[in-house]
Amino acid sequence: MCAVLPSDINAEEQQLSWHIQPNVCVAERANEPCTFSLSVAVHNKKQQTYCVYLSQLSEQRLFCSTQRQLQRKLSLTIDNKASLLLKNSLGVTVSEQTLRVKSTQRRTRFRVNSPWSLF
């Protein structure tokens, strides 16, 4: 008989959880960096060390903690493609949250029909 045990990463996922709000930044124009504030809440069932990273072109460590309940506000400037990573003490990514940039600039629509009519 063969028993299947959950991997260490799955066990870590059950011990560490988080909530990020908001995960969308609104910029005036498309394809420009966007600055916004967000809140990160981490729930750490075992009092283990964890770190939060910002991943864009490279990873940047934002903070580390061992607190069981942590609420932190961050101000970030992101490009079109960015993620927040929650890593355990071994440096293994336990969870990832994609951050998106939306723009208020309307897309240009081109006229489909010709304004002239022969009939």
N, C-alpha and C. Protein backbone atom coordinates (compact mmCIF):
# COMPACT_ATOMS: atom_id res chain seq x y z
N MET A 1 0.84 -1.17 0.00
CA MET A 1 0.00 0.00 0.00
C MET A 1 0.89 1.24 0.00
N CYS A 2 0.51 2.24 -0.79
CA CYS A 2 1.29 3.46 -0.93
C CYS A 2 0.48 4.63 -0.39
N ALA A 3 1.07 5.41 0.49
CA ALA A 3 0.39 6.59 1.04
C ALA A 3 0.94 7.84 0.38
N VAL A 4 0.07 8.74 0.06
CA VAL A 4 0.47 10.01 -0.54
C VAL A 4 0.39 11.09 0.54
N LEU A 5 1.52 11.73 0.80
CA LEU A 5 1.56 12.78 1.80
C LEU A 5 1.62 14.14 1.11
N PRO A 6 1.00 15.15 1.71
CA PRO A 6 1.08 16.47 1.09
C PRO A 6 2.52 16.98 1.13
N SER A 7 2.87 17.78 0.13
CA SER A 7 4.22 18.32 0.07
C SER A 7 4.40 19.41 1.13
N ASP A 8 5.65 19.74 1.39
CA ASP A 8 5.96 20.79 2.37
C ASP A 8 5.35 22.12 1.96
N ILE A 9 5.31 22.39 0.66
CA ILE A 9 4.75 23.66 0.19
C ILE A 9 3.27 23.73 0.51
N ASN A 10 2.53 22.63 0.31
CA ASN A 10 1.11 22.62 0.65
C ASN A 10 0.91 22.81 2.14
N ALA A 11 1.77 22.21 2.95
CA ALA A 11 1.68 22.39 4.40
C ALA A 11 1.94 23.85 4.75
N GLU A 12 2.90 24.48 4.07
CA GLU A 12 3.19 25.89 4.32
C GLU A 12 2.00 26.76 3.94
N GLU A 13 1.33 26.42 2.85
CA GLU A 13 0.18 27.20 2.41
C GLU A 13 -0.91 27.21 3.47
N GLN A 14 -1.07 26.11 4.19
CA GLN A 14 -2.09 26.04 5.23
C GLN A 14 -1.68 26.84 6.46
N GLN A 15 -0.38 27.04 6.67
CA GLN A 15 0.11 27.77 7.83
C GLN A 15 0.18 29.29 7.59
N LEU A 16 0.41 29.70 6.36
CA LEU A 16 0.52 31.12 6.00
C LEU A 16 -0.59 31.47 5.02
N SER A 17 -1.31 32.53 5.30
CA SER A 17 -2.29 33.03 4.33
C SER A 17 -2.23 34.55 4.35
N TRP A 18 -2.74 35.15 3.27
CA TRP A 18 -2.71 36.61 3.20
C TRP A 18 -3.85 37.14 2.38
N HIS A 19 -4.06 38.44 2.52
CA HIS A 19 -5.10 39.15 1.76
C HIS A 19 -4.52 40.50 1.36
N ILE A 20 -4.66 40.83 0.07
CA ILE A 20 -4.12 42.09 -0.46
C ILE A 20 -5.28 42.87 -1.07
N GLN A 21 -5.35 44.16 -0.70
CA GLN A 21 -6.44 44.98 -1.23
C GLN A 21 -5.97 46.41 -1.37
N PRO A 22 -6.18 47.07 -2.49
CA PRO A 22 -6.64 46.54 -3.76
C PRO A 22 -5.48 45.89 -4.52
N ASN A 23 -5.80 45.16 -5.57
CA ASN A 23 -4.75 44.56 -6.40
C ASN A 23 -4.75 45.16 -7.81
N VAL A 24 -5.46 46.27 -7.99
CA VAL A 24 -5.51 46.98 -9.27
C VAL A 24 -5.14 48.44 -9.02
N CYS A 25 -4.25 48.96 -9.85
CA CYS A 25 -3.85 50.38 -9.79
C CYS A 25 -4.42 51.07 -11.03
N VAL A 26 -4.96 52.26 -10.84
CA VAL A 26 -5.57 53.00 -11.95
C VAL A 26 -4.66 54.15 -12.35
N ALA A 27 -4.21 54.14 -13.61
CA ALA A 27 -3.33 55.18 -14.15
C ALA A 27 -4.10 56.02 -15.16
N GLU A 28 -3.63 57.24 -15.38
CA GLU A 28 -4.30 58.11 -16.36
C GLU A 28 -4.08 57.64 -17.78
N ARG A 29 -2.87 57.18 -18.09
CA ARG A 29 -2.56 56.74 -19.45
C ARG A 29 -2.08 55.30 -19.44
N ALA A 30 -2.34 54.62 -20.53
CA ALA A 30 -1.89 53.24 -20.68
C ALA A 30 -0.37 53.20 -20.81
N ASN A 31 0.21 52.12 -20.37
CA ASN A 31 1.65 51.86 -20.48
C ASN A 31 2.51 52.88 -19.73
N GLU A 32 2.01 53.41 -18.62
CA GLU A 32 2.85 54.25 -17.78
C GLU A 32 2.83 53.70 -16.36
N PRO A 33 3.92 53.91 -15.60
CA PRO A 33 3.96 53.39 -14.22
C PRO A 33 2.82 53.97 -13.38
N CYS A 34 2.39 53.19 -12.43
CA CYS A 34 1.25 53.56 -11.60
C CYS A 34 1.65 53.46 -10.13
N THR A 35 1.35 54.51 -9.35
CA THR A 35 1.64 54.53 -7.92
C THR A 35 0.34 54.43 -7.14
N PHE A 36 0.29 53.53 -6.16
CA PHE A 36 -0.91 53.36 -5.35
C PHE A 36 -0.56 52.79 -3.99
N SER A 37 -1.51 52.90 -3.06
CA SER A 37 -1.36 52.33 -1.72
C SER A 37 -2.20 51.08 -1.63
N LEU A 38 -1.66 50.08 -0.95
CA LEU A 38 -2.42 48.85 -0.74
C LEU A 38 -2.18 48.35 0.67
N SER A 39 -3.07 47.48 1.11
CA SER A 39 -2.93 46.92 2.45
C SER A 39 -2.68 45.42 2.32
N VAL A 40 -1.74 44.93 3.13
CA VAL A 40 -1.38 43.51 3.15
C VAL A 40 -1.68 42.98 4.55
N ALA A 41 -2.49 41.93 4.62
CA ALA A 41 -2.79 41.27 5.89
C ALA A 41 -2.27 39.84 5.80
N VAL A 42 -1.40 39.46 6.74
CA VAL A 42 -0.83 38.12 6.75
C VAL A 42 -1.27 37.41 8.03
N HIS A 43 -1.70 36.17 7.88
CA HIS A 43 -2.09 35.32 9.01
C HIS A 43 -1.09 34.17 9.08
N ASN A 44 -0.38 34.09 10.17
CA ASN A 44 0.73 33.16 10.35
C ASN A 44 0.38 32.22 11.50
N LYS A 45 -0.15 31.03 11.21
CA LYS A 45 -0.61 30.10 12.27
C LYS A 45 0.54 29.62 13.14
N LYS A 46 1.65 29.24 12.53
CA LYS A 46 2.85 28.92 13.29
C LYS A 46 3.68 30.20 13.26
N GLN A 47 4.31 30.52 14.34
CA GLN A 47 5.09 31.77 14.37
C GLN A 47 6.41 31.55 13.64
N GLN A 48 6.32 31.54 12.30
CA GLN A 48 7.49 31.30 11.47
C GLN A 48 7.85 32.59 10.72
N THR A 49 9.06 32.67 10.24
CA THR A 49 9.51 33.83 9.50
C THR A 49 8.97 33.76 8.07
N TYR A 50 8.49 34.88 7.59
CA TYR A 50 8.03 35.00 6.21
C TYR A 50 8.43 36.36 5.69
N CYS A 51 8.51 36.48 4.36
CA CYS A 51 8.88 37.74 3.72
C CYS A 51 7.93 38.01 2.56
N VAL A 52 7.69 39.29 2.30
CA VAL A 52 6.87 39.72 1.17
C VAL A 52 7.79 40.43 0.18
N TYR A 53 7.69 40.02 -1.08
CA TYR A 53 8.52 40.56 -2.15
C TYR A 53 7.65 41.18 -3.23
N LEU A 54 8.20 42.20 -3.90
CA LEU A 54 7.60 42.75 -5.11
C LEU A 54 8.40 42.20 -6.28
N SER A 55 7.72 41.57 -7.22
CA SER A 55 8.38 40.98 -8.38
C SER A 55 7.92 41.72 -9.63
N GLN A 56 8.87 42.42 -10.28
CA GLN A 56 8.61 43.05 -11.57
C GLN A 56 9.64 42.47 -12.54
N LEU A 57 10.65 43.24 -12.87
CA LEU A 57 11.74 42.68 -13.67
C LEU A 57 12.67 41.86 -12.79
N SER A 58 12.77 42.24 -11.52
CA SER A 58 13.53 41.48 -10.53
C SER A 58 12.73 41.50 -9.23
N GLU A 59 13.18 40.71 -8.26
CA GLU A 59 12.48 40.64 -6.97
C GLU A 59 13.09 41.64 -6.00
N GLN A 60 12.23 42.35 -5.28
CA GLN A 60 12.65 43.31 -4.27
C GLN A 60 11.94 42.95 -2.95
N ARG A 61 12.72 42.69 -1.90
CA ARG A 61 12.11 42.36 -0.61
C ARG A 61 11.53 43.63 0.01
N LEU A 62 10.24 43.57 0.38
CA LEU A 62 9.56 44.71 0.98
C LEU A 62 9.66 44.67 2.50
N PHE A 63 9.42 43.49 3.11
CA PHE A 63 9.56 43.33 4.55
C PHE A 63 9.52 41.86 4.92
N CYS A 64 10.02 41.57 6.13
CA CYS A 64 9.96 40.24 6.72
C CYS A 64 9.37 40.36 8.11
N SER A 65 8.77 39.27 8.62
CA SER A 65 8.16 39.30 9.94
C SER A 65 7.98 37.88 10.47
N THR A 66 7.72 37.78 11.78
CA THR A 66 7.34 36.52 12.41
C THR A 66 6.01 36.66 13.13
N GLN A 67 5.36 37.83 13.01
CA GLN A 67 4.10 38.08 13.71
C GLN A 67 3.00 37.14 13.23
N ARG A 68 2.14 36.74 14.15
CA ARG A 68 1.01 35.86 13.79
C ARG A 68 -0.04 36.61 12.97
N GLN A 69 -0.34 37.83 13.34
CA GLN A 69 -1.30 38.66 12.60
C GLN A 69 -0.58 39.95 12.24
N LEU A 70 -0.52 40.28 10.96
CA LEU A 70 0.17 41.48 10.53
C LEU A 70 -0.72 42.23 9.55
N GLN A 71 -0.86 43.51 9.77
CA GLN A 71 -1.59 44.40 8.83
C GLN A 71 -0.61 45.51 8.50
N ARG A 72 -0.29 45.67 7.22
CA ARG A 72 0.67 46.69 6.82
C ARG A 72 0.20 47.40 5.56
N LYS A 73 0.38 48.72 5.52
CA LYS A 73 0.06 49.52 4.34
C LYS A 73 1.36 49.76 3.58
N LEU A 74 1.29 49.61 2.26
CA LEU A 74 2.46 49.82 1.40
C LEU A 74 2.10 50.81 0.31
N SER A 75 3.08 51.59 -0.11
CA SER A 75 2.93 52.46 -1.27
C SER A 75 3.88 51.94 -2.34
N LEU A 76 3.33 51.55 -3.48
CA LEU A 76 4.13 50.92 -4.54
C LEU A 76 3.96 51.65 -5.86
N THR A 77 4.99 51.61 -6.68
CA THR A 77 4.92 52.06 -8.07
C THR A 77 5.19 50.82 -8.92
N ILE A 78 4.22 50.49 -9.76
CA ILE A 78 4.35 49.26 -10.56
C ILE A 78 4.19 49.56 -12.04
N ASP A 79 4.71 48.65 -12.85
CA ASP A 79 4.51 48.69 -14.30
C ASP A 79 3.32 47.81 -14.62
N ASN A 80 3.13 47.52 -15.90
CA ASN A 80 1.99 46.72 -16.32
C ASN A 80 1.98 45.32 -15.71
N LYS A 81 3.15 44.75 -15.47
CA LYS A 81 3.22 43.38 -14.98
C LYS A 81 4.00 43.34 -13.68
N ALA A 82 3.30 43.06 -12.58
CA ALA A 82 3.95 42.97 -11.27
C ALA A 82 3.20 41.96 -10.42
N SER A 83 3.89 41.40 -9.43
CA SER A 83 3.30 40.44 -8.50
C SER A 83 3.86 40.67 -7.12
N LEU A 84 3.06 40.36 -6.11
CA LEU A 84 3.55 40.28 -4.74
C LEU A 84 3.72 38.81 -4.40
N LEU A 85 4.85 38.48 -3.79
CA LEU A 85 5.16 37.10 -3.43
C LEU A 85 5.26 36.97 -1.92
N LEU A 86 4.68 35.92 -1.38
CA LEU A 86 4.81 35.58 0.04
C LEU A 86 5.72 34.36 0.11
N LYS A 87 6.89 34.52 0.77
CA LYS A 87 7.87 33.44 0.83
C LYS A 87 8.11 33.03 2.27
N ASN A 88 8.34 31.73 2.46
CA ASN A 88 8.65 31.22 3.80
C ASN A 88 10.14 31.42 4.10
N SER A 89 10.57 30.95 5.26
CA SER A 89 11.96 31.16 5.70
C SER A 89 12.98 30.45 4.81
N LEU A 90 12.54 29.45 4.04
CA LEU A 90 13.44 28.74 3.13
C LEU A 90 13.55 29.44 1.77
N GLY A 91 12.77 30.52 1.58
CA GLY A 91 12.78 31.24 0.32
C GLY A 91 11.84 30.64 -0.71
N VAL A 92 10.99 29.72 -0.29
CA VAL A 92 10.03 29.08 -1.19
C VAL A 92 8.77 29.96 -1.28
N THR A 93 8.32 30.24 -2.50
CA THR A 93 7.12 31.04 -2.69
C THR A 93 5.90 30.22 -2.28
N VAL A 94 5.19 30.73 -1.27
CA VAL A 94 4.01 30.06 -0.73
C VAL A 94 2.75 30.54 -1.45
N SER A 95 2.73 31.84 -1.80
CA SER A 95 1.56 32.40 -2.47
C SER A 95 2.00 33.58 -3.34
N GLU A 96 1.23 33.83 -4.40
CA GLU A 96 1.53 34.93 -5.32
C GLU A 96 0.24 35.65 -5.66
N GLN A 97 0.30 36.99 -5.68
CA GLN A 97 -0.85 37.81 -6.05
C GLN A 97 -0.42 38.74 -7.18
N THR A 98 -1.09 38.64 -8.33
CA THR A 98 -0.79 39.50 -9.46
C THR A 98 -1.38 40.89 -9.22
N LEU A 99 -0.59 41.92 -9.51
CA LEU A 99 -1.05 43.30 -9.44
C LEU A 99 -1.24 43.80 -10.86
N ARG A 100 -2.38 44.43 -11.12
CA ARG A 100 -2.68 44.88 -12.48
C ARG A 100 -2.76 46.40 -12.54
N VAL A 101 -2.48 46.95 -13.74
CA VAL A 101 -2.62 48.38 -13.99
C VAL A 101 -3.73 48.56 -15.02
N LYS A 102 -4.70 49.39 -14.67
CA LYS A 102 -5.77 49.75 -15.60
C LYS A 102 -5.63 51.24 -15.89
N SER A 103 -6.01 51.66 -17.10
CA SER A 103 -5.92 53.08 -17.43
C SER A 103 -7.30 53.66 -17.67
N THR A 104 -7.42 54.97 -17.39
CA THR A 104 -8.68 55.67 -17.62
C THR A 104 -8.76 56.21 -19.04
N GLN A 105 -7.65 56.14 -19.76
CA GLN A 105 -7.61 56.63 -21.14
C GLN A 105 -8.44 55.72 -22.03
N ARG A 106 -9.33 56.33 -22.79
CA ARG A 106 -10.17 55.54 -23.70
C ARG A 106 -9.37 55.10 -24.90
N ARG A 107 -9.65 53.93 -25.36
CA ARG A 107 -9.01 53.45 -26.58
C ARG A 107 -9.63 54.14 -27.78
N THR A 108 -8.82 54.42 -28.79
CA THR A 108 -9.31 55.07 -30.00
C THR A 108 -10.08 54.07 -30.84
N ARG A 109 -11.28 54.44 -31.19
CA ARG A 109 -12.09 53.59 -32.06
C ARG A 109 -12.11 54.20 -33.45
N PHE A 110 -11.95 53.37 -34.44
CA PHE A 110 -11.98 53.83 -35.82
C PHE A 110 -13.34 53.53 -36.41
N ARG A 111 -13.77 54.42 -37.28
CA ARG A 111 -15.07 54.26 -37.94
C ARG A 111 -15.02 53.06 -38.86
N VAL A 112 -16.02 52.21 -38.73
CA VAL A 112 -16.10 51.01 -39.55
C VAL A 112 -16.76 51.33 -40.88
N ASN A 113 -17.77 52.16 -40.87
CA ASN A 113 -18.52 52.49 -42.08
C ASN A 113 -17.96 53.78 -42.69
N SER A 114 -18.11 53.89 -43.98
CA SER A 114 -17.76 55.12 -44.67
C SER A 114 -18.89 56.14 -44.43
N PRO A 115 -18.56 57.40 -44.20
CA PRO A 115 -19.62 58.39 -43.97
C PRO A 115 -20.40 58.73 -45.26
N TRP A 116 -19.91 58.27 -46.41
CA TRP A 116 -20.57 58.58 -47.68
C TRP A 116 -21.46 57.44 -48.13
N SER A 117 -22.52 57.80 -48.77
CA SER A 117 -23.43 56.79 -49.32
C SER A 117 -23.77 57.19 -50.75
N LEU A 118 -23.79 56.21 -51.63
CA LEU A 118 -24.12 56.49 -53.03
C LEU A 118 -25.62 56.37 -53.29
N PHE A 119 -26.34 55.76 -52.40
CA PHE A 119 -27.77 55.57 -52.61
C PHE A 119 -28.59 56.27 -51.58
